[in-house]
Protein backbone atom coordinates (compact mmCIF):
# COMPACT_ATOMS: atom_id res chain seq x y z
CA MET A 1 0.92 26.40 -90.46
CA GLU A 2 -2.63 27.35 -89.48
CA PHE A 3 -3.88 24.01 -90.82
CA LEU A 4 -1.42 22.14 -88.61
CA ALA A 5 -2.38 24.20 -85.57
CA ARG A 6 -6.02 23.30 -86.04
CA ARG A 7 -5.24 19.59 -86.52
CA LEU A 8 -2.75 19.30 -83.59
CA PRO A 9 -5.38 18.41 -80.95
CA LEU A 10 -6.76 15.66 -83.21
CA LEU A 11 -3.27 14.41 -83.94
CA LEU A 12 -2.45 14.28 -80.19
CA ALA A 13 -5.71 12.48 -79.40
CA VAL A 14 -5.13 9.81 -82.09
CA THR A 15 -1.50 9.31 -80.88
CA ALA A 16 -2.70 8.94 -77.27
CA ALA A 17 -5.41 6.49 -78.34
CA LEU A 18 -2.87 4.30 -80.16
CA ALA A 19 -0.44 4.34 -77.27
CA LEU A 20 -3.03 3.71 -74.49
CA PRO A 21 -3.33 -0.08 -74.89
CA SER A 22 0.40 -0.65 -74.50
CA ILE A 23 0.54 1.76 -71.53
CA LEU A 24 -2.39 -0.02 -69.84
CA SER A 25 -0.98 -3.49 -70.45
CA ALA A 26 2.52 -2.63 -69.03
CA GLN A 27 3.03 -3.99 -65.57
CA ARG A 28 4.68 -1.88 -62.94
CA GLU A 29 8.05 -2.96 -61.63
CA ARG A 30 7.61 -4.64 -58.23
CA LEU A 31 11.22 -4.91 -57.26
CA PRO A 32 12.54 -2.01 -55.18
CA PHE A 33 14.33 0.56 -57.24
CA ASP A 34 17.70 -0.21 -55.56
CA ASP A 35 17.34 -3.95 -56.19
CA VAL A 36 16.73 -3.78 -59.97
CA PRO A 37 20.38 -3.10 -60.98
CA ILE A 38 21.63 -5.79 -58.55
CA VAL A 39 19.24 -8.38 -60.05
CA GLU A 40 19.98 -7.37 -63.64
CA ARG A 41 23.73 -7.55 -63.04
CA ARG A 42 23.65 -10.95 -61.23
CA TRP A 43 21.08 -12.59 -63.50
CA PRO A 44 21.37 -10.71 -66.87
CA ASN A 45 19.53 -13.44 -68.79
CA ALA A 46 16.64 -13.82 -66.33
CA LYS A 47 13.20 -13.87 -67.84
CA LYS A 48 10.49 -11.73 -66.22
CA THR A 49 6.88 -12.60 -65.60
CA SER A 50 4.06 -10.00 -65.84
CA THR A 51 4.23 -9.80 -62.03
CA SER A 52 7.97 -8.97 -61.97
CA ILE A 53 9.20 -12.36 -60.83
CA ARG A 54 12.57 -13.06 -62.49
CA TYR A 55 13.60 -16.62 -63.24
CA VAL A 56 16.45 -18.49 -64.78
CA VAL A 57 15.95 -22.06 -65.97
CA ASN A 58 19.13 -23.85 -64.87
CA ASP A 59 17.81 -27.27 -65.82
CA PRO A 60 14.49 -27.65 -67.75
CA GLY A 61 13.71 -31.14 -66.40
CA ASP A 62 11.08 -33.13 -68.27
CA GLU A 63 10.12 -30.42 -70.75
CA LYS A 64 7.63 -32.67 -72.58
CA GLY A 65 5.90 -33.73 -69.38
CA PRO A 66 3.03 -32.05 -67.45
CA THR A 67 3.32 -29.24 -65.00
CA PRO A 68 1.75 -29.04 -61.55
CA GLN A 69 -1.78 -27.64 -61.29
CA PRO A 70 -3.61 -26.02 -58.32
CA GLY A 71 -4.73 -28.65 -55.83
CA MET A 72 -1.81 -30.96 -56.47
CA TYR A 73 0.89 -31.65 -53.94
CA ILE A 74 4.41 -30.65 -54.91
CA GLU A 75 7.67 -32.00 -53.60
CA ALA A 76 10.57 -29.63 -53.87
CA LEU A 77 14.08 -28.84 -52.67
CA TYR A 78 15.12 -25.22 -52.25
CA LYS A 79 17.53 -22.77 -50.79
CA GLY A 80 16.04 -19.38 -49.88
CA MET A 81 18.33 -16.38 -49.72
CA LEU A 82 18.16 -12.65 -49.32
CA LEU A 83 19.51 -10.60 -52.20
CA ASN A 84 22.84 -10.26 -50.39
CA GLY A 85 23.24 -14.07 -50.40
CA LYS A 86 22.37 -14.71 -46.77
CA ILE A 87 20.53 -18.06 -46.52
CA PHE A 88 17.34 -17.83 -44.45
CA ASP A 89 15.92 -21.30 -45.07
CA GLU A 90 16.61 -24.45 -47.08
CA VAL A 91 15.42 -27.98 -47.63
CA ARG A 92 18.13 -29.92 -49.50
CA ASP A 93 17.58 -33.58 -48.55
CA PRO A 94 15.77 -35.48 -51.37
CA LYS A 95 14.66 -38.05 -48.84
CA ARG A 96 12.84 -35.32 -46.90
CA PRO A 97 11.65 -32.71 -49.46
CA LEU A 98 9.25 -29.92 -48.82
CA LYS A 99 5.75 -31.25 -49.52
CA MET A 100 3.00 -28.69 -49.90
CA ARG A 101 -0.27 -28.30 -51.74
CA LEU A 102 -0.33 -25.85 -54.66
CA GLY A 103 -3.11 -23.32 -54.92
CA ARG A 104 -4.15 -23.44 -51.21
CA HIS A 105 -2.14 -20.40 -49.98
CA MET A 106 0.32 -22.69 -48.26
CA LEU A 107 3.22 -21.20 -50.29
CA ILE A 108 4.30 -17.66 -50.92
CA GLU A 109 2.54 -16.11 -53.90
CA GLY A 110 5.76 -16.09 -55.93
CA TRP A 111 5.99 -19.84 -55.69
CA GLU A 112 2.26 -20.23 -56.46
CA GLN A 113 2.85 -18.36 -59.70
CA ILE A 114 6.13 -20.01 -60.74
CA LEU A 115 5.53 -23.71 -59.88
CA PRO A 116 2.77 -24.23 -62.56
CA MET A 117 5.42 -23.13 -65.08
CA MET A 118 7.94 -25.76 -64.00
CA HIS A 119 8.34 -29.37 -65.09
CA ARG A 120 9.24 -32.40 -63.02
CA GLY A 121 13.00 -32.40 -62.41
CA SER A 122 13.50 -28.78 -63.35
CA LYS A 123 15.82 -26.44 -61.43
CA TRP A 124 15.23 -22.75 -61.49
CA THR A 125 16.62 -19.67 -59.80
CA ILE A 126 13.75 -17.35 -58.98
CA ILE A 127 13.87 -13.77 -57.73
CA VAL A 128 10.65 -12.84 -55.93
CA PRO A 129 9.58 -9.27 -55.14
CA ALA A 130 8.65 -8.69 -51.49
CA GLU A 131 4.95 -8.23 -52.20
CA LEU A 132 4.81 -11.77 -53.65
CA ALA A 133 6.64 -13.13 -50.63
CA TYR A 134 6.47 -11.69 -47.08
CA GLY A 135 5.84 -8.02 -47.99
CA SER A 136 6.06 -5.29 -45.43
CA ARG A 137 5.72 -7.76 -42.51
CA GLY A 138 8.80 -9.74 -43.45
CA ARG A 139 9.37 -12.87 -41.41
CA PRO A 140 11.45 -11.81 -38.39
CA PRO A 141 14.15 -12.39 -37.55
CA ASP A 142 15.35 -13.98 -40.79
CA ILE A 143 13.56 -11.99 -43.48
CA PRO A 144 13.36 -8.18 -43.14
CA SER A 145 10.48 -6.05 -44.28
CA GLU A 146 10.21 -5.48 -48.00
CA ALA A 147 12.92 -8.08 -48.83
CA THR A 148 13.47 -9.35 -52.34
CA LEU A 149 13.99 -13.07 -52.08
CA VAL A 150 16.11 -15.45 -54.19
CA PHE A 151 15.37 -19.15 -54.38
CA GLU A 152 17.22 -22.04 -55.96
CA LEU A 153 14.21 -24.26 -56.53
CA GLU A 154 14.11 -27.84 -57.74
CA LEU A 155 10.72 -29.47 -58.47
CA LEU A 156 11.17 -33.14 -57.66
CA ASN A 157 7.66 -34.43 -58.11
CA PHE A 158 3.96 -33.50 -58.02
CA GLY A 159 0.62 -35.24 -58.06
CA PRO A 160 -2.80 -35.57 -56.47
CA ASN A 161 -1.39 -36.69 -53.08
């Protein structure tokens, strides 16, 4: 017993040293505490990025093709909703898609992170924490402060211009 008592500090230090890398690499949850069960119930198979964006690949599109890179223009259709389903914005006409440049802070950070993962023709549902969207400012009157946003996003095309 005395031997164990003398070795306990060393044993605790070794255990802590082994656990430290996984603790440091774990990302904090960015969704509000109350939103997590809602998201997990509605999208139980959603994958999660290291920055807490959830996404569901509804249609993978051209999986063997390239993905958009910073500096490229993207053309997309989308429907943006609050977590309660209220639509705050949408572009649904393929003849008049949203056209923006990736990597130039023209899009919310959540889109900047997700779009380079998508392929031409893919359709994803993405759930974006507030701090990767409009944060504490929101976008009155449609998007309240600290709102988790849901997008049905379709990447139509991308390229240099």
